[in-house]
């Protein structure tokens, strides 16, 4: 009989330790997402969990449950919610010209 190995589900939030980690993670998700807004919301949710959802709720004035739902990838948060969350997380959007092949 072999040794039993217990595996845990991968959680990216556990690996986002610094602000730089969070920025690089969000940039990678933005590139990967294409036009999938829910993917971006979920990426922000991952960063929010890494930083602390309770603090984010305080900083945005939004309820924790509302934030979990909005940033789950299942909800459809308003753009103003996304901007509030990004600001509270210390992140900002940047525009760049899209390079088409």
PDB file of N, CA and C in Angstrom:
ATOM      1  N   UNK A   1       0.855  -1.180   0.000  1.00  0.00           N
ATOM      2  CA  UNK A   1       0.000   0.000   0.000  1.00  0.00           C
ATOM      3  C   UNK A   1       0.891   1.229   0.000  1.00  0.00           C
ATOM      4  N   UNK A   2       0.653   2.159  -0.917  1.00  0.00           N
ATOM      5  CA  UNK A   2       1.470   3.362  -1.055  1.00  0.00           C
ATOM      6  C   UNK A   2       1.099   4.430  -0.041  1.00  0.00           C
ATOM      7  N   UNK A   3       1.964   5.419   0.026  1.00  0.00           N
ATOM      8  CA  UNK A   3       1.716   6.551   0.901  1.00  0.00           C
ATOM      9  C   UNK A   3       0.650   7.440   0.274  1.00  0.00           C
ATOM     10  N   UNK A   4      -0.275   7.905   1.100  1.00  0.00           N
ATOM     11  CA  UNK A   4      -1.344   8.772   0.594  1.00  0.00           C
ATOM     12  C   UNK A   4      -0.865  10.220   0.603  1.00  0.00           C
ATOM     13  N   UNK A   5      -1.036  10.894  -0.510  1.00  0.00           N
ATOM     14  CA  UNK A   5      -0.633  12.295  -0.632  1.00  0.00           C
ATOM     15  C   UNK A   5      -1.891  13.150  -0.636  1.00  0.00           C
ATOM     16  N   UNK A   6      -1.909  14.145   0.234  1.00  0.00           N
ATOM     17  CA  UNK A   6      -3.055  15.048   0.285  1.00  0.00           C
ATOM     18  C   UNK A   6      -2.708  16.306  -0.494  1.00  0.00           C
ATOM     19  N   UNK A   7      -3.525  16.623  -1.481  1.00  0.00           N
ATOM     20  CA  UNK A   7      -3.295  17.797  -2.306  1.00  0.00           C
ATOM     21  C   UNK A   7      -4.315  18.878  -1.962  1.00  0.00           C
ATOM     22  N   UNK A   8      -3.858  20.120  -2.005  1.00  0.00           N
ATOM     23  CA  UNK A   8      -4.755  21.249  -1.795  1.00  0.00           C
ATOM     24  C   UNK A   8      -4.968  21.949  -3.121  1.00  0.00           C
ATOM     25  N   UNK A   9      -6.121  22.585  -3.254  1.00  0.00           N
ATOM     26  CA  UNK A   9      -6.408  23.354  -4.459  1.00  0.00           C
ATOM     27  C   UNK A   9      -5.455  24.548  -4.518  1.00  0.00           C
ATOM     28  N   UNK A  10      -4.897  24.811  -5.696  1.00  0.00           N
ATOM     29  CA  UNK A  10      -3.980  25.935  -5.891  1.00  0.00           C
ATOM     30  C   UNK A  10      -4.732  27.233  -5.644  1.00  0.00           C
ATOM     31  N   UNK A  11      -4.148  28.116  -4.853  1.00  0.00           N
ATOM     32  CA  UNK A  11      -4.748  29.428  -4.605  1.00  0.00           C
ATOM     33  C   UNK A  11      -3.695  30.485  -4.880  1.00  0.00           C
ATOM     34  N   UNK A  12      -3.863  31.194  -5.988  1.00  0.00           N
ATOM     35  CA  UNK A  12      -2.892  32.219  -6.378  1.00  0.00           C
ATOM     36  C   UNK A  12      -2.711  33.275  -5.309  1.00  0.00           C
ATOM     37  N   UNK A  13      -3.765  33.560  -4.530  1.00  0.00           N
ATOM     38  CA  UNK A  13      -3.693  34.605  -3.504  1.00  0.00           C
ATOM     39  C   UNK A  13      -2.578  34.320  -2.490  1.00  0.00           C
ATOM     40  N   UNK A  14      -2.313  33.047  -2.238  1.00  0.00           N
ATOM     41  CA  UNK A  14      -1.269  32.674  -1.272  1.00  0.00           C
ATOM     42  C   UNK A  14       0.127  33.029  -1.771  1.00  0.00           C
ATOM     43  N   UNK A  15       0.270  33.282  -3.064  1.00  0.00           N
ATOM     44  CA  UNK A  15       1.580  33.516  -3.657  1.00  0.00           C
ATOM     45  C   UNK A  15       1.802  34.981  -4.043  1.00  0.00           C
ATOM     46  N   UNK A  16       0.828  35.822  -3.750  1.00  0.00           N
ATOM     47  CA  UNK A  16       0.959  37.253  -4.036  1.00  0.00           C
ATOM     48  C   UNK A  16       1.384  37.951  -2.749  1.00  0.00           C
ATOM     49  N   UNK A  17       2.680  38.136  -2.582  1.00  0.00           N
ATOM     50  CA  UNK A  17       3.208  38.665  -1.317  1.00  0.00           C
ATOM     51  C   UNK A  17       3.487  40.164  -1.368  1.00  0.00           C
ATOM     52  N   UNK A  18       3.910  40.663  -2.521  1.00  0.00           N
ATOM     53  CA  UNK A  18       4.302  42.069  -2.617  1.00  0.00           C
ATOM     54  C   UNK A  18       3.400  42.799  -3.610  1.00  0.00           C
ATOM     55  N   UNK A  19       3.447  44.123  -3.563  1.00  0.00           N
ATOM     56  CA  UNK A  19       2.680  44.911  -4.535  1.00  0.00           C
ATOM     57  C   UNK A  19       3.137  44.595  -5.956  1.00  0.00           C
ATOM     58  N   UNK A  20       4.435  44.384  -6.133  1.00  0.00           N
ATOM     59  CA  UNK A  20       4.955  44.052  -7.465  1.00  0.00           C
ATOM     60  C   UNK A  20       4.370  42.727  -7.955  1.00  0.00           C
ATOM     61  N   UNK A  21       4.287  41.726  -7.051  1.00  0.00           N
ATOM     62  CA  UNK A  21       3.665  40.444  -7.415  1.00  0.00           C
ATOM     63  C   UNK A  21       2.247  40.671  -7.924  1.00  0.00           C
ATOM     64  N   UNK A  22       1.519  41.536  -7.215  1.00  0.00           N
ATOM     65  CA  UNK A  22       0.120  41.784  -7.547  1.00  0.00           C
ATOM     66  C   UNK A  22      -0.027  42.489  -8.889  1.00  0.00           C
ATOM     67  N   UNK A  23       0.845  43.454  -9.145  1.00  0.00           N
ATOM     68  CA  UNK A  23       0.812  44.172 -10.422  1.00  0.00           C
ATOM     69  C   UNK A  23       1.140  43.220 -11.572  1.00  0.00           C
ATOM     70  N   UNK A  24       2.176  42.414 -11.413  1.00  0.00           N
ATOM     71  CA  UNK A  24       2.558  41.471 -12.470  1.00  0.00           C
ATOM     72  C   UNK A  24       1.460  40.442 -12.717  1.00  0.00           C
ATOM     73  N   UNK A  25       0.828  39.991 -11.638  1.00  0.00           N
ATOM     74  CA  UNK A  25      -0.282  39.040 -11.764  1.00  0.00           C
ATOM     75  C   UNK A  25      -1.434  39.669 -12.550  1.00  0.00           C
ATOM     76  N   UNK A  26      -1.805  40.904 -12.191  1.00  0.00           N
ATOM     77  CA  UNK A  26      -2.904  41.568 -12.884  1.00  0.00           C
ATOM     78  C   UNK A  26      -2.556  41.814 -14.346  1.00  0.00           C
ATOM     79  N   UNK A  27      -1.324  42.219 -14.632  1.00  0.00           N
ATOM     80  CA  UNK A  27      -0.916  42.428 -16.029  1.00  0.00           C
ATOM     81  C   UNK A  27      -1.034  41.133 -16.828  1.00  0.00           C
ATOM     82  N   UNK A  28      -0.604  40.029 -16.248  1.00  0.00           N
ATOM     83  CA  UNK A  28      -0.700  38.734 -16.934  1.00  0.00           C
ATOM     84  C   UNK A  28      -2.160  38.368 -17.175  1.00  0.00           C
ATOM     85  N   UNK A  29      -3.009  38.617 -16.186  1.00  0.00           N
ATOM     86  CA  UNK A  29      -4.433  38.306 -16.330  1.00  0.00           C
ATOM     87  C   UNK A  29      -5.089  39.192 -17.380  1.00  0.00           C
ATOM     88  N   UNK A  30      -4.702  40.468 -17.426  1.00  0.00           N
ATOM     89  CA  UNK A  30      -5.250  41.372 -18.441  1.00  0.00           C
ATOM     90  C   UNK A  30      -4.904  40.883 -19.847  1.00  0.00           C
ATOM     91  N   UNK A  31      -3.679  40.408 -20.023  1.00  0.00           N
ATOM     92  CA  UNK A  31      -3.262  39.892 -21.327  1.00  0.00           C
ATOM     93  C   UNK A  31      -4.022  38.621 -21.686  1.00  0.00           C
ATOM     94  N   UNK A  32      -4.221  37.772 -20.687  1.00  0.00           N
ATOM     95  CA  UNK A  32      -4.881  36.482 -20.906  1.00  0.00           C
ATOM     96  C   UNK A  32      -6.384  36.629 -21.139  1.00  0.00           C
ATOM     97  N   UNK A  33      -7.006  37.626 -20.517  1.00  0.00           N
ATOM     98  CA  UNK A  33      -8.466  37.740 -20.471  1.00  0.00           C
ATOM     99  C   UNK A  33      -9.112  38.065 -21.803  1.00  0.00           C
ATOM    100  N   UNK A  34      -8.414  38.785 -22.667  1.00  0.00           N
ATOM    101  CA  UNK A  34      -9.067  39.228 -23.899  1.00  0.00           C
ATOM    102  C   UNK A  34     -10.223  40.142 -23.545  1.00  0.00           C
ATOM    103  N   UNK A  35     -11.434  39.755 -23.911  1.00  0.00           N
ATOM    104  CA  UNK A  35     -12.624  40.570 -23.622  1.00  0.00           C
ATOM    105  C   UNK A  35     -13.455  39.980 -22.483  1.00  0.00           C
ATOM    106  N   UNK A  36     -12.887  39.071 -21.725  1.00  0.00           N
ATOM    107  CA  UNK A  36     -13.600  38.403 -20.632  1.00  0.00           C
ATOM    108  C   UNK A  36     -13.506  39.239 -19.354  1.00  0.00           C
ATOM    109  N   UNK A  37     -14.496  40.108 -19.141  1.00  0.00           N
ATOM    110  CA  UNK A  37     -14.492  41.004 -17.982  1.00  0.00           C
ATOM    111  C   UNK A  37     -14.547  40.231 -16.664  1.00  0.00           C
ATOM    112  N   UNK A  38     -15.248  39.099 -16.647  1.00  0.00           N
ATOM    113  CA  UNK A  38     -15.354  38.303 -15.423  1.00  0.00           C
ATOM    114  C   UNK A  38     -13.980  37.778 -14.991  1.00  0.00           C
ATOM    115  N   UNK A  39     -13.129  37.477 -15.961  1.00  0.00           N
ATOM    116  CA  UNK A  39     -11.775  37.005 -15.676  1.00  0.00           C
ATOM    117  C   UNK A  39     -10.982  38.084 -14.933  1.00  0.00           C
ATOM    118  N   UNK A  40     -11.150  39.336 -15.367  1.00  0.00           N
ATOM    119  CA  UNK A  40     -10.464  40.460 -14.724  1.00  0.00           C
ATOM    120  C   UNK A  40     -11.014  40.670 -13.318  1.00  0.00           C
ATOM    121  N   UNK A  41     -12.340  40.605 -13.175  1.00  0.00           N
ATOM    122  CA  UNK A  41     -12.947  40.760 -11.844  1.00  0.00           C
ATOM    123  C   UNK A  41     -12.425  39.690 -10.901  1.00  0.00           C
ATOM    124  N   UNK A  42     -12.306  38.458 -11.391  1.00  0.00           N
ATOM    125  CA  UNK A  42     -11.804  37.368 -10.550  1.00  0.00           C
ATOM    126  C   UNK A  42     -10.338  37.591 -10.179  1.00  0.00           C
ATOM    127  N   UNK A  43      -9.549  38.109 -11.106  1.00  0.00           N
ATOM    128  CA  UNK A  43      -8.142  38.418 -10.813  1.00  0.00           C
ATOM    129  C   UNK A  43      -8.060  39.467  -9.708  1.00  0.00           C
ATOM    130  N   UNK A  44      -8.914  40.489  -9.782  1.00  0.00           N
ATOM    131  CA  UNK A  44      -8.943  41.505  -8.723  1.00  0.00           C
ATOM    132  C   UNK A  44      -9.384  40.878  -7.404  1.00  0.00           C
ATOM    133  N   UNK A  45     -10.304  39.915  -7.465  1.00  0.00           N
ATOM    134  CA  UNK A  45     -10.724  39.196  -6.261  1.00  0.00           C
ATOM    135  C   UNK A  45      -9.584  38.425  -5.627  1.00  0.00           C
ATOM    136  N   UNK A  46      -8.741  37.837  -6.456  1.00  0.00           N
ATOM    137  CA  UNK A  46      -7.571  37.109  -5.953  1.00  0.00           C
ATOM    138  C   UNK A  46      -6.615  38.067  -5.251  1.00  0.00           C
ATOM    139  N   UNK A  47      -6.376  39.209  -5.863  1.00  0.00           N
ATOM    140  CA  UNK A  47      -5.500  40.215  -5.251  1.00  0.00           C
ATOM    141  C   UNK A  47      -6.125  40.730  -3.955  1.00  0.00           C
ATOM    142  N   UNK A  48      -7.435  40.942  -3.974  1.00  0.00           N
ATOM    143  CA  UNK A  48      -8.140  41.421  -2.781  1.00  0.00           C
ATOM    144  C   UNK A  48      -8.000  40.424  -1.627  1.00  0.00           C
ATOM    145  N   UNK A  49      -8.129  39.128  -1.925  1.00  0.00           N
ATOM    146  CA  UNK A  49      -7.961  38.116  -0.869  1.00  0.00           C
ATOM    147  C   UNK A  49      -6.532  38.114  -0.333  1.00  0.00           C
ATOM    148  N   UNK A  50      -5.570  38.355  -1.213  1.00  0.00           N
ATOM    149  CA  UNK A  50      -4.170  38.398  -0.777  1.00  0.00           C
ATOM    150  C   UNK A  50      -3.927  39.592   0.157  1.00  0.00           C
ATOM    151  N   UNK A  51      -4.560  40.701  -0.130  1.00  0.00           N
ATOM    152  CA  UNK A  51      -4.377  41.915   0.683  1.00  0.00           C
ATOM    153  C   UNK A  51      -5.273  41.925   1.915  1.00  0.00           C
ATOM    154  N   UNK A  52      -6.428  41.293   1.818  1.00  0.00           N
ATOM    155  CA  UNK A  52      -7.366  41.262   2.937  1.00  0.00           C
ATOM    156  C   UNK A  52      -8.697  41.873   2.555  1.00  0.00           C
ATOM    157  N   UNK A  53      -9.706  41.039   2.466  1.00  0.00           N
ATOM    158  CA  UNK A  53     -11.028  41.478   2.025  1.00  0.00           C
ATOM    159  C   UNK A  53     -11.671  42.430   3.033  1.00  0.00           C
ATOM    160  N   UNK A  54     -11.416  42.237   4.311  1.00  0.00           N
ATOM    161  CA  UNK A  54     -12.016  43.112   5.325  1.00  0.00           C
ATOM    162  C   UNK A  54     -11.520  44.540   5.158  1.00  0.00           C
ATOM    163  N   UNK A  55     -10.220  44.694   4.958  1.00  0.00           N
ATOM    164  CA  UNK A  55      -9.657  46.029   4.753  1.00  0.00           C
ATOM    165  C   UNK A  55     -10.186  46.645   3.469  1.00  0.00           C
ATOM    166  N   UNK A  56     -10.318  45.849   2.440  1.00  0.00           N
ATOM    167  CA  UNK A  56     -10.843  46.341   1.168  1.00  0.00           C
ATOM    168  C   UNK A  56     -12.281  46.842   1.343  1.00  0.00           C
ATOM    169  N   UNK A  57     -13.071  46.111   2.103  1.00  0.00           N
ATOM    170  CA  UNK A  57     -14.457  46.530   2.358  1.00  0.00           C
ATOM    171  C   UNK A  57     -14.470  47.889   3.050  1.00  0.00           C
ATOM    172  N   UNK A  58     -13.585  48.068   4.030  1.00  0.00           N
ATOM    173  CA  UNK A  58     -13.494  49.358   4.721  1.00  0.00           C
ATOM    174  C   UNK A  58     -13.087  50.462   3.752  1.00  0.00           C
ATOM    175  N   UNK A  59     -12.070  50.195   2.950  1.00  0.00           N
ATOM    176  CA  UNK A  59     -11.518  51.215   2.052  1.00  0.00           C
ATOM    177  C   UNK A  59     -12.478  51.611   0.931  1.00  0.00           C
ATOM    178  N   UNK A  60     -13.316  50.677   0.487  1.00  0.00           N
ATOM    179  CA  UNK A  60     -14.231  50.970  -0.613  1.00  0.00           C
ATOM    180  C   UNK A  60     -15.612  51.397  -0.127  1.00  0.00           C
ATOM    181  N   UNK A  61     -15.934  51.065   1.122  1.00  0.00           N
ATOM    182  CA  UNK A  61     -17.274  51.333   1.629  1.00  0.00           C
ATOM    183  C   UNK A  61     -18.295  50.320   1.139  1.00  0.00           C
ATOM    184  N   UNK A  62     -17.822  49.233   0.546  1.00  0.00           N
ATOM    185  CA  UNK A  62     -18.705  48.173   0.057  1.00  0.00           C
ATOM    186  C   UNK A  62     -18.669  47.007   1.043  1.00  0.00           C
ATOM    187  N   UNK A  63     -19.749  46.262   1.137  1.00  0.00           N
ATOM    188  CA  UNK A  63     -19.813  45.112   2.039  1.00  0.00           C
ATOM    189  C   UNK A  63     -18.930  43.969   1.571  1.00  0.00           C
ATOM    190  N   UNK A  64     -18.420  43.198   2.530  1.00  0.00           N
ATOM    191  CA  UNK A  64     -17.556  42.058   2.184  1.00  0.00           C
ATOM    192  C   UNK A  64     -18.271  41.068   1.274  1.00  0.00           C
ATOM    193  N   UNK A  65     -19.525  40.755   1.612  1.00  0.00           N
ATOM    194  CA  UNK A  65     -20.265  39.784   0.795  1.00  0.00           C
ATOM    195  C   UNK A  65     -20.454  40.306  -0.635  1.00  0.00           C
ATOM    196  N   UNK A  66     -20.747  41.599  -0.747  1.00  0.00           N
ATOM    197  CA  UNK A  66     -20.895  42.198  -2.083  1.00  0.00           C
ATOM    198  C   UNK A  66     -19.595  42.106  -2.858  1.00  0.00           C
ATOM    199  N   UNK A  67     -18.485  42.347  -2.167  1.00  0.00           N
ATOM    200  CA  UNK A  67     -17.176  42.274  -2.827  1.00  0.00           C
ATOM    201  C   UNK A  67     -16.869  40.848  -3.267  1.00  0.00           C
ATOM    202  N   UNK A  68     -17.114  39.874  -2.384  1.00  0.00           N
ATOM    203  CA  UNK A  68     -16.862  38.477  -2.764  1.00  0.00           C
ATOM    204  C   UNK A  68     -17.661  38.115  -4.012  1.00  0.00           C
ATOM    205  N   UNK A  69     -18.933  38.529  -4.043  1.00  0.00           N
ATOM    206  CA  UNK A  69     -19.783  38.208  -5.195  1.00  0.00           C
ATOM    207  C   UNK A  69     -19.292  38.932  -6.445  1.00  0.00           C
ATOM    208  N   UNK A  70     -19.011  40.224  -6.326  1.00  0.00           N
ATOM    209  CA  UNK A  70     -18.585  41.023  -7.477  1.00  0.00           C
ATOM    210  C   UNK A  70     -17.266  40.530  -8.061  1.00  0.00           C
ATOM    211  N   UNK A  71     -16.383  40.039  -7.188  1.00  0.00           N
ATOM    212  CA  UNK A  71     -15.032  39.667  -7.623  1.00  0.00           C
ATOM    213  C   UNK A  71     -14.837  38.158  -7.716  1.00  0.00           C
ATOM    214  N   UNK A  72     -15.930  37.421  -7.810  1.00  0.00           N
ATOM    215  CA  UNK A  72     -15.848  35.958  -7.858  1.00  0.00           C
ATOM    216  C   UNK A  72     -15.611  35.431  -9.266  1.00  0.00           C
ATOM    217  N   UNK A  73     -15.880  36.280 -10.257  1.00  0.00           N
ATOM    218  CA  UNK A  73     -15.835  35.801 -11.638  1.00  0.00           C
ATOM    219  C   UNK A  73     -17.203  35.334 -12.091  1.00  0.00           C
ATOM    220  N   UNK A  74     -18.167  35.265 -11.153  1.00  0.00           N
ATOM    221  CA  UNK A  74     -19.536  34.859 -11.467  1.00  0.00           C
ATOM    222  C   UNK A  74     -20.443  36.080 -11.604  1.00  0.00           C
ATOM    223  N   UNK A  75     -20.133  37.141 -10.850  1.00  0.00           N
ATOM    224  CA  UNK A  75     -20.958  38.342 -10.891  1.00  0.00           C
ATOM    225  C   UNK A  75     -20.604  39.216 -12.087  1.00  0.00           C
ATOM    226  N   UNK A  76     -21.250  40.364 -12.160  1.00  0.00           N
ATOM    227  CA  UNK A  76     -20.975  41.320 -13.226  1.00  0.00           C
ATOM    228  C   UNK A  76     -20.873  42.701 -12.585  1.00  0.00           C
ATOM    229  N   UNK A  77     -19.738  42.992 -11.930  1.00  0.00           N
ATOM    230  CA  UNK A  77     -19.623  44.259 -11.210  1.00  0.00           C
ATOM    231  C   UNK A  77     -19.625  45.454 -12.159  1.00  0.00           C
ATOM    232  N   UNK A  78     -20.120  46.582 -11.648  1.00  0.00           N
ATOM    233  CA  UNK A  78     -20.104  47.800 -12.449  1.00  0.00           C
ATOM    234  C   UNK A  78     -18.657  48.271 -12.601  1.00  0.00           C
ATOM    235  N   UNK A  79     -18.438  49.077 -13.617  1.00  0.00           N
ATOM    236  CA  UNK A  79     -17.094  49.617 -13.835  1.00  0.00           C
ATOM    237  C   UNK A  79     -16.683  50.489 -12.656  1.00  0.00           C
ATOM    238  N   UNK A  80     -17.643  51.201 -12.054  1.00  0.00           N
ATOM    239  CA  UNK A  80     -17.306  52.041 -10.898  1.00  0.00           C
ATOM    240  C   UNK A  80     -16.842  51.185  -9.724  1.00  0.00           C
ATOM    241  N   UNK A  81     -17.428  49.999  -9.558  1.00  0.00           N
ATOM    242  CA  UNK A  81     -16.965  49.081  -8.504  1.00  0.00           C
ATOM    243  C   UNK A  81     -15.541  48.634  -8.793  1.00  0.00           C
ATOM    244  N   UNK A  82     -15.262  48.290 -10.043  1.00  0.00           N
ATOM    245  CA  UNK A  82     -13.913  47.872 -10.430  1.00  0.00           C
ATOM    246  C   UNK A  82     -12.911  48.990 -10.137  1.00  0.00           C
ATOM    247  N   UNK A  83     -13.264  50.228 -10.496  1.00  0.00           N
ATOM    248  CA  UNK A  83     -12.365  51.363 -10.253  1.00  0.00           C
ATOM    249  C   UNK A  83     -12.156  51.605  -8.758  1.00  0.00           C
ATOM    250  N   UNK A  84     -13.220  51.486  -7.960  1.00  0.00           N
ATOM    251  CA  UNK A  84     -13.101  51.639  -6.500  1.00  0.00           C
ATOM    252  C   UNK A  84     -12.166  50.583  -5.922  1.00  0.00           C
ATOM    253  N   UNK A  85     -12.360  49.335  -6.359  1.00  0.00           N
ATOM    254  CA  UNK A  85     -11.542  48.227  -5.871  1.00  0.00           C
ATOM    255  C   UNK A  85     -10.084  48.439  -6.255  1.00  0.00           C
ATOM    256  N   UNK A  86      -9.845  48.797  -7.515  1.00  0.00           N
ATOM    257  CA  UNK A  86      -8.470  49.006  -7.958  1.00  0.00           C
ATOM    258  C   UNK A  86      -7.806  50.127  -7.173  1.00  0.00           C
ATOM    259  N   UNK A  87      -8.512  51.208  -6.960  1.00  0.00           N
ATOM    260  CA  UNK A  87      -7.966  52.329  -6.190  1.00  0.00           C
ATOM    261  C   UNK A  87      -7.630  51.894  -4.763  1.00  0.00           C
ATOM    262  N   UNK A  88      -8.553  51.179  -4.126  1.00  0.00           N
ATOM    263  CA  UNK A  88      -8.336  50.717  -2.756  1.00  0.00           C
ATOM    264  C   UNK A  88      -7.175  49.732  -2.662  1.00  0.00           C
ATOM    265  N   UNK A  89      -6.934  48.984  -3.741  1.00  0.00           N
ATOM    266  CA  UNK A  89      -5.821  48.028  -3.763  1.00  0.00           C
ATOM    267  C   UNK A  89      -4.499  48.697  -4.141  1.00  0.00           C
ATOM    268  N   UNK A  90      -4.558  49.993  -4.454  1.00  0.00           N
ATOM    269  CA  UNK A  90      -3.342  50.706  -4.841  1.00  0.00           C
ATOM    270  C   UNK A  90      -2.937  50.437  -6.277  1.00  0.00           C
ATOM    271  N   UNK A  91      -3.908  50.071  -7.110  1.00  0.00           N
ATOM    272  CA  UNK A  91      -3.652  49.773  -8.521  1.00  0.00           C
ATOM    273  C   UNK A  91      -4.319  50.828  -9.389  1.00  0.00           C
ATOM    274  N   UNK A  92      -3.809  51.019 -10.602  1.00  0.00           N
ATOM    275  CA  UNK A  92      -4.456  51.927 -11.537  1.00  0.00           C
ATOM    276  C   UNK A  92      -4.371  51.373 -12.946  1.00  0.00           C
ATOM    277  N   UNK A  93      -5.338  51.760 -13.754  1.00  0.00           N
ATOM    278  CA  UNK A  93      -5.366  51.336 -15.152  1.00  0.00           C
ATOM    279  C   UNK A  93      -4.439  52.216 -15.973  1.00  0.00           C
ATOM    280  N   UNK A  94      -3.864  51.640 -17.005  1.00  0.00           N
ATOM    281  CA  UNK A  94      -3.041  52.380 -17.957  1.00  0.00           C
ATOM    282  C   UNK A  94      -3.508  52.023 -19.358  1.00  0.00           C
ATOM    283  N   UNK A  95      -3.524  53.013 -20.229  1.00  0.00           N
ATOM    284  CA  UNK A  95      -3.877  52.739 -21.621  1.00  0.00           C
ATOM    285  C   UNK A  95      -2.601  52.603 -22.444  1.00  0.00           C
ATOM    286  N   UNK A  96      -2.651  51.693 -23.387  1.00  0.00           N
ATOM    287  CA  UNK A  96      -1.526  51.496 -24.297  1.00  0.00           C
ATOM    288  C   UNK A  96      -2.080  51.120 -25.655  1.00  0.00           C
ATOM    289  N   UNK A  97      -1.341  51.399 -26.677  1.00  0.00           N
ATOM    290  CA  UNK A  97      -1.757  51.032 -28.028  1.00  0.00           C
ATOM    291  C   UNK A  97      -1.636  49.519 -28.176  1.00  0.00           C
ATOM    292  N   UNK A  98      -2.678  48.922 -28.736  1.00  0.00           N
ATOM    293  CA  UNK A  98      -2.666  47.471 -28.967  1.00  0.00           C
ATOM    294  C   UNK A  98      -1.837  47.202 -30.222  1.00  0.00           C
ATOM    295  N   UNK A  99      -0.903  46.293 -30.097  1.00  0.00           N
ATOM    296  CA  UNK A  99      -0.062  45.922 -31.245  1.00  0.00           C
ATOM    297  C   UNK A  99      -0.735  44.759 -31.964  1.00  0.00           C
ATOM    298  N   UNK A 100      -1.192  45.007 -33.180  1.00  0.00           N
ATOM    299  CA  UNK A 100      -1.809  43.941 -33.945  1.00  0.00           C
ATOM    300  C   UNK A 100      -0.806  43.380 -34.948  1.00  0.00           C
ATOM    301  N   UNK A 101      -0.765  42.062 -35.066  1.00  0.00           N
ATOM    302  CA  UNK A 101       0.217  41.454 -35.976  1.00  0.00           C
ATOM    303  C   UNK A 101      -0.090  41.720 -37.436  1.00  0.00           C
TER     304      UNK A 101
END
